């Protein structure tokens, strides 16, 4: 479901999702051999980055409601559904939270790609049962203005990797 082709300002570099490329041509080659083949055809591969590795335990959550944190101006206390039938309380500092939002959730015990191992914690007196994640925290982007917003058809409890068809290689040409 992730399709992207991005060019730098000068038009000299381009990043292509391997899955998107394979929708057009799908030779019987692994990622490294495909990159070599692209280089041999005049499209020099500058690098390959695997997107979504290490996100096996991250699921999709739906924000059911939220309110300002009683002891912090920039935090919200969110009630989220994670597909289990129970509502989880998560403290979140992202400015883009809204009711009905679908977003990645890392629950206690999950280790994010950056090495952060999540645990149930108290944030300014309120228990947080996990973390609503930005693309940066998941290793899926370099900029963030809040938690990652997923399309409305994402289902609470669905593994994020399955929904985004990850892992996928980003080929830098």
C-alpha atoms as a PDB file:
ATOM      1  CA  UNK A   1       0.000   0.000   0.000  1.00  0.00           C
ATOM      2  CA  UNK A   2       3.055   2.239   0.177  1.00  0.00           C
ATOM      3  CA  UNK A   3       4.004   3.542  -3.230  1.00  0.00           C
ATOM      4  CA  UNK A   4       6.512   6.287  -3.650  1.00  0.00           C
ATOM      5  CA  UNK A   5       8.954   7.730  -6.091  1.00  0.00           C
ATOM      6  CA  UNK A   6      10.712  10.861  -4.931  1.00  0.00           C
ATOM      7  CA  UNK A   7      13.252  13.002  -6.710  1.00  0.00           C
ATOM      8  CA  UNK A   8      15.656  15.499  -5.204  1.00  0.00           C
ATOM      9  CA  UNK A   9      15.471  19.162  -6.191  1.00  0.00           C
ATOM     10  CA  UNK A  10      18.063  18.720  -8.914  1.00  0.00           C
ATOM     11  CA  UNK A  11      16.346  15.624 -10.295  1.00  0.00           C
ATOM     12  CA  UNK A  12      19.592  13.684  -9.891  1.00  0.00           C
ATOM     13  CA  UNK A  13      18.459  11.179  -7.255  1.00  0.00           C
ATOM     14  CA  UNK A  14      15.331   9.101  -6.883  1.00  0.00           C
ATOM     15  CA  UNK A  15      14.059   6.709  -4.219  1.00  0.00           C
ATOM     16  CA  UNK A  16      11.866   3.843  -5.371  1.00  0.00           C
ATOM     17  CA  UNK A  17      10.031   1.273  -3.274  1.00  0.00           C
ATOM     18  CA  UNK A  18      11.055  -2.187  -4.444  1.00  0.00           C
ATOM     19  CA  UNK A  19       7.445  -3.368  -4.162  1.00  0.00           C
ATOM     20  CA  UNK A  20       6.317  -0.585  -6.525  1.00  0.00           C
ATOM     21  CA  UNK A  21       9.072  -1.395  -9.019  1.00  0.00           C
ATOM     22  CA  UNK A  22       8.082  -5.072  -8.942  1.00  0.00           C
ATOM     23  CA  UNK A  23       4.510  -4.144  -9.861  1.00  0.00           C
ATOM     24  CA  UNK A  24       5.948  -3.044 -13.206  1.00  0.00           C
ATOM     25  CA  UNK A  25       8.783  -5.537 -13.690  1.00  0.00           C
ATOM     26  CA  UNK A  26       9.431  -8.523 -11.490  1.00  0.00           C
ATOM     27  CA  UNK A  27      12.522 -10.433 -12.551  1.00  0.00           C
ATOM     28  CA  UNK A  28      13.449 -13.537 -10.605  1.00  0.00           C
ATOM     29  CA  UNK A  29      16.169 -11.664  -8.663  1.00  0.00           C
ATOM     30  CA  UNK A  30      16.658 -10.853  -4.990  1.00  0.00           C
ATOM     31  CA  UNK A  31      16.957  -7.211  -3.894  1.00  0.00           C
ATOM     32  CA  UNK A  32      20.769  -7.048  -4.214  1.00  0.00           C
ATOM     33  CA  UNK A  33      20.765  -8.650  -7.669  1.00  0.00           C
ATOM     34  CA  UNK A  34      17.977  -6.313  -8.785  1.00  0.00           C
ATOM     35  CA  UNK A  35      20.012  -3.312  -7.604  1.00  0.00           C
ATOM     36  CA  UNK A  36      23.046  -4.612  -9.522  1.00  0.00           C
ATOM     37  CA  UNK A  37      20.918  -5.070 -12.652  1.00  0.00           C
ATOM     38  CA  UNK A  38      19.638  -1.476 -12.342  1.00  0.00           C
ATOM     39  CA  UNK A  39      23.221  -0.215 -12.035  1.00  0.00           C
ATOM     40  CA  UNK A  40      24.270  -2.219 -15.099  1.00  0.00           C
ATOM     41  CA  UNK A  41      21.462  -0.596 -17.116  1.00  0.00           C
ATOM     42  CA  UNK A  42      22.747   2.892 -16.301  1.00  0.00           C
ATOM     43  CA  UNK A  43      20.722   3.655 -13.150  1.00  0.00           C
ATOM     44  CA  UNK A  44      23.392   3.725 -10.464  1.00  0.00           C
ATOM     45  CA  UNK A  45      22.081   2.465  -7.123  1.00  0.00           C
ATOM     46  CA  UNK A  46      23.482   4.613  -4.313  1.00  0.00           C
ATOM     47  CA  UNK A  47      21.977   2.539  -1.533  1.00  0.00           C
ATOM     48  CA  UNK A  48      19.268   0.195  -0.322  1.00  0.00           C
ATOM     49  CA  UNK A  49      17.416   0.789   2.919  1.00  0.00           C
ATOM     50  CA  UNK A  50      15.021  -1.758   4.390  1.00  0.00           C
ATOM     51  CA  UNK A  51      11.846  -0.041   5.602  1.00  0.00           C
ATOM     52  CA  UNK A  52       9.742  -1.591   8.372  1.00  0.00           C
ATOM     53  CA  UNK A  53      12.232  -4.090   9.727  1.00  0.00           C
ATOM     54  CA  UNK A  54      11.622  -4.727  13.442  1.00  0.00           C
ATOM     55  CA  UNK A  55       7.960  -3.649  13.511  1.00  0.00           C
ATOM     56  CA  UNK A  56       6.460  -7.119  13.911  1.00  0.00           C
ATOM     57  CA  UNK A  57       4.732  -6.272  17.205  1.00  0.00           C
ATOM     58  CA  UNK A  58       3.397  -2.828  16.280  1.00  0.00           C
ATOM     59  CA  UNK A  59      -0.372  -2.803  15.666  1.00  0.00           C
ATOM     60  CA  UNK A  60      -2.912  -0.311  14.429  1.00  0.00           C
ATOM     61  CA  UNK A  61      -4.930   1.546  17.063  1.00  0.00           C
ATOM     62  CA  UNK A  62      -7.980   3.772  16.768  1.00  0.00           C
ATOM     63  CA  UNK A  63      -8.298   6.816  19.001  1.00  0.00           C
ATOM     64  CA  UNK A  64     -11.725   6.620  20.625  1.00  0.00           C
ATOM     65  CA  UNK A  65     -11.431   9.786  22.717  1.00  0.00           C
ATOM     66  CA  UNK A  66      -8.832  12.061  24.235  1.00  0.00           C
ATOM     67  CA  UNK A  67      -8.584  14.879  26.749  1.00  0.00           C
ATOM     68  CA  UNK A  68      -5.855  17.211  27.948  1.00  0.00           C
ATOM     69  CA  UNK A  69      -3.521  15.680  30.502  1.00  0.00           C
ATOM     70  CA  UNK A  70      -4.447  16.994  33.988  1.00  0.00           C
ATOM     71  CA  UNK A  71      -0.810  17.763  34.875  1.00  0.00           C
ATOM     72  CA  UNK A  72       0.759  18.787  31.553  1.00  0.00           C
ATOM     73  CA  UNK A  73      -0.286  21.405  29.015  1.00  0.00           C
ATOM     74  CA  UNK A  74       1.242  19.706  25.970  1.00  0.00           C
ATOM     75  CA  UNK A  75       0.132  16.133  26.655  1.00  0.00           C
ATOM     76  CA  UNK A  76      -3.126  14.324  25.929  1.00  0.00           C
ATOM     77  CA  UNK A  77      -4.585  11.235  27.570  1.00  0.00           C
ATOM     78  CA  UNK A  78      -5.996   9.043  24.794  1.00  0.00           C
ATOM     79  CA  UNK A  79      -8.398   6.130  25.020  1.00  0.00           C
ATOM     80  CA  UNK A  80      -7.565   3.750  22.175  1.00  0.00           C
ATOM     81  CA  UNK A  81      -8.865   0.495  20.736  1.00  0.00           C
ATOM     82  CA  UNK A  82      -6.227  -2.047  19.756  1.00  0.00           C
ATOM     83  CA  UNK A  83      -8.530  -4.760  18.423  1.00  0.00           C
ATOM     84  CA  UNK A  84      -8.459  -6.774  21.664  1.00  0.00           C
ATOM     85  CA  UNK A  85     -11.861  -5.558  22.858  1.00  0.00           C
ATOM     86  CA  UNK A  86     -10.286  -3.588  25.697  1.00  0.00           C
ATOM     87  CA  UNK A  87      -9.659   0.143  25.770  1.00  0.00           C
ATOM     88  CA  UNK A  88      -6.099   1.239  26.502  1.00  0.00           C
ATOM     89  CA  UNK A  89      -5.076   4.538  28.039  1.00  0.00           C
ATOM     90  CA  UNK A  90      -2.069   6.123  26.316  1.00  0.00           C
ATOM     91  CA  UNK A  91      -0.383   9.433  27.169  1.00  0.00           C
ATOM     92  CA  UNK A  92       0.596  11.212  23.966  1.00  0.00           C
ATOM     93  CA  UNK A  93       2.326  14.520  23.219  1.00  0.00           C
ATOM     94  CA  UNK A  94       1.550  14.688  19.499  1.00  0.00           C
ATOM     95  CA  UNK A  95      -0.341  17.789  18.343  1.00  0.00           C
ATOM     96  CA  UNK A  96      -2.237  16.004  15.550  1.00  0.00           C
ATOM     97  CA  UNK A  97      -4.392  13.613  17.634  1.00  0.00           C
ATOM     98  CA  UNK A  98      -8.093  13.388  16.721  1.00  0.00           C
ATOM     99  CA  UNK A  99     -11.016  11.071  17.500  1.00  0.00           C
ATOM    100  CA  UNK A 100     -11.270   8.303  14.914  1.00  0.00           C
ATOM    101  CA  UNK A 101      -7.603   8.574  13.945  1.00  0.00           C
ATOM    102  CA  UNK A 102      -5.894   5.307  13.031  1.00  0.00           C
ATOM    103  CA  UNK A 103      -2.255   5.253  14.114  1.00  0.00           C
ATOM    104  CA  UNK A 104       0.533   2.779  14.969  1.00  0.00           C
ATOM    105  CA  UNK A 105       0.632   1.545  18.571  1.00  0.00           C
ATOM    106  CA  UNK A 106       3.591  -0.035  20.336  1.00  0.00           C
ATOM    107  CA  UNK A 107       2.499  -1.744  23.548  1.00  0.00           C
ATOM    108  CA  UNK A 108       4.640  -2.514  26.592  1.00  0.00           C
ATOM    109  CA  UNK A 109       7.292  -5.109  25.742  1.00  0.00           C
ATOM    110  CA  UNK A 110       7.766  -3.919  22.155  1.00  0.00           C
ATOM    111  CA  UNK A 111      11.239  -2.777  21.111  1.00  0.00           C
ATOM    112  CA  UNK A 112      11.244  -0.096  18.407  1.00  0.00           C
ATOM    113  CA  UNK A 113      13.839  -0.041  15.585  1.00  0.00           C
ATOM    114  CA  UNK A 114      15.768   2.715  17.417  1.00  0.00           C
ATOM    115  CA  UNK A 115      16.290   0.311  20.364  1.00  0.00           C
ATOM    116  CA  UNK A 116      13.708   1.878  22.699  1.00  0.00           C
ATOM    117  CA  UNK A 117      11.992  -0.885  24.693  1.00  0.00           C
ATOM    118  CA  UNK A 118       8.547   0.187  25.814  1.00  0.00           C
ATOM    119  CA  UNK A 119       7.115  -0.475  29.225  1.00  0.00           C
ATOM    120  CA  UNK A 120       4.012   0.570  31.095  1.00  0.00           C
ATOM    121  CA  UNK A 121       4.903   3.879  32.696  1.00  0.00           C
ATOM    122  CA  UNK A 122       3.502   6.794  34.631  1.00  0.00           C
ATOM    123  CA  UNK A 123       3.789  10.134  32.868  1.00  0.00           C
ATOM    124  CA  UNK A 124       3.078  13.043  35.190  1.00  0.00           C
ATOM    125  CA  UNK A 125       0.841  10.855  37.337  1.00  0.00           C
ATOM    126  CA  UNK A 126      -1.118   9.123  34.530  1.00  0.00           C
ATOM    127  CA  UNK A 127      -0.378   5.526  33.502  1.00  0.00           C
ATOM    128  CA  UNK A 128       0.436   5.062  29.819  1.00  0.00           C
ATOM    129  CA  UNK A 129       0.001   1.574  28.387  1.00  0.00           C
ATOM    130  CA  UNK A 130       2.227   2.024  25.355  1.00  0.00           C
ATOM    131  CA  UNK A 131       3.075   4.604  22.741  1.00  0.00           C
ATOM    132  CA  UNK A 132       1.329   6.026  19.697  1.00  0.00           C
ATOM    133  CA  UNK A 133       4.114   6.316  17.132  1.00  0.00           C
ATOM    134  CA  UNK A 134       5.393   8.742  14.534  1.00  0.00           C
ATOM    135  CA  UNK A 135       7.011   7.629  11.277  1.00  0.00           C
ATOM    136  CA  UNK A 136      10.403   8.695  12.688  1.00  0.00           C
ATOM    137  CA  UNK A 137      10.021   6.479  15.766  1.00  0.00           C
ATOM    138  CA  UNK A 138       9.204   3.541  13.488  1.00  0.00           C
ATOM    139  CA  UNK A 139      12.136   4.195  11.149  1.00  0.00           C
ATOM    140  CA  UNK A 140       9.730   4.970   8.291  1.00  0.00           C
ATOM    141  CA  UNK A 141      10.564   8.638   7.790  1.00  0.00           C
ATOM    142  CA  UNK A 142      12.915  11.439   8.706  1.00  0.00           C
ATOM    143  CA  UNK A 143      10.453  14.206   9.571  1.00  0.00           C
ATOM    144  CA  UNK A 144       7.547  14.242  11.963  1.00  0.00           C
ATOM    145  CA  UNK A 145       4.915  16.701  13.054  1.00  0.00           C
ATOM    146  CA  UNK A 146       3.114  14.186  15.219  1.00  0.00           C
ATOM    147  CA  UNK A 147       1.997  10.584  15.253  1.00  0.00           C
ATOM    148  CA  UNK A 148       1.545   8.737  11.979  1.00  0.00           C
ATOM    149  CA  UNK A 149      -1.976   9.017  10.578  1.00  0.00           C
ATOM    150  CA  UNK A 150      -3.155   5.939   8.689  1.00  0.00           C
ATOM    151  CA  UNK A 151      -6.048   5.705   6.205  1.00  0.00           C
ATOM    152  CA  UNK A 152      -9.581   5.173   7.513  1.00  0.00           C
ATOM    153  CA  UNK A 153      -9.689   1.582   6.192  1.00  0.00           C
ATOM    154  CA  UNK A 154      -6.946   0.504   8.622  1.00  0.00           C
ATOM    155  CA  UNK A 155      -8.403  -1.839  11.237  1.00  0.00           C
ATOM    156  CA  UNK A 156      -7.608  -1.626  14.944  1.00  0.00           C
ATOM    157  CA  UNK A 157      -5.493  -4.616  15.937  1.00  0.00           C
ATOM    158  CA  UNK A 158      -4.153  -5.301  12.446  1.00  0.00           C
ATOM    159  CA  UNK A 159      -0.364  -5.644  12.352  1.00  0.00           C
ATOM    160  CA  UNK A 160       1.164  -2.466  10.907  1.00  0.00           C
ATOM    161  CA  UNK A 161       3.581  -4.475   8.753  1.00  0.00           C
ATOM    162  CA  UNK A 162       0.709  -6.314   7.046  1.00  0.00           C
ATOM    163  CA  UNK A 163      -1.246  -3.108   6.412  1.00  0.00           C
ATOM    164  CA  UNK A 164       1.776  -1.288   4.918  1.00  0.00           C
ATOM    165  CA  UNK A 165       3.141  -4.368   3.097  1.00  0.00           C
ATOM    166  CA  UNK A 166       6.405  -4.233   5.012  1.00  0.00           C
ATOM    167  CA  UNK A 167       9.269  -4.887   5.092  1.00  0.00           C
ATOM    168  CA  UNK A 168      10.113  -3.223   1.791  1.00  0.00           C
ATOM    169  CA  UNK A 169      13.365  -1.992   0.323  1.00  0.00           C
ATOM    170  CA  UNK A 170      13.834   1.643  -0.622  1.00  0.00           C
ATOM    171  CA  UNK A 171      16.231   1.773  -3.569  1.00  0.00           C
ATOM    172  CA  UNK A 172      18.127   5.049  -3.939  1.00  0.00           C
ATOM    173  CA  UNK A 173      18.985   5.693  -7.586  1.00  0.00           C
END
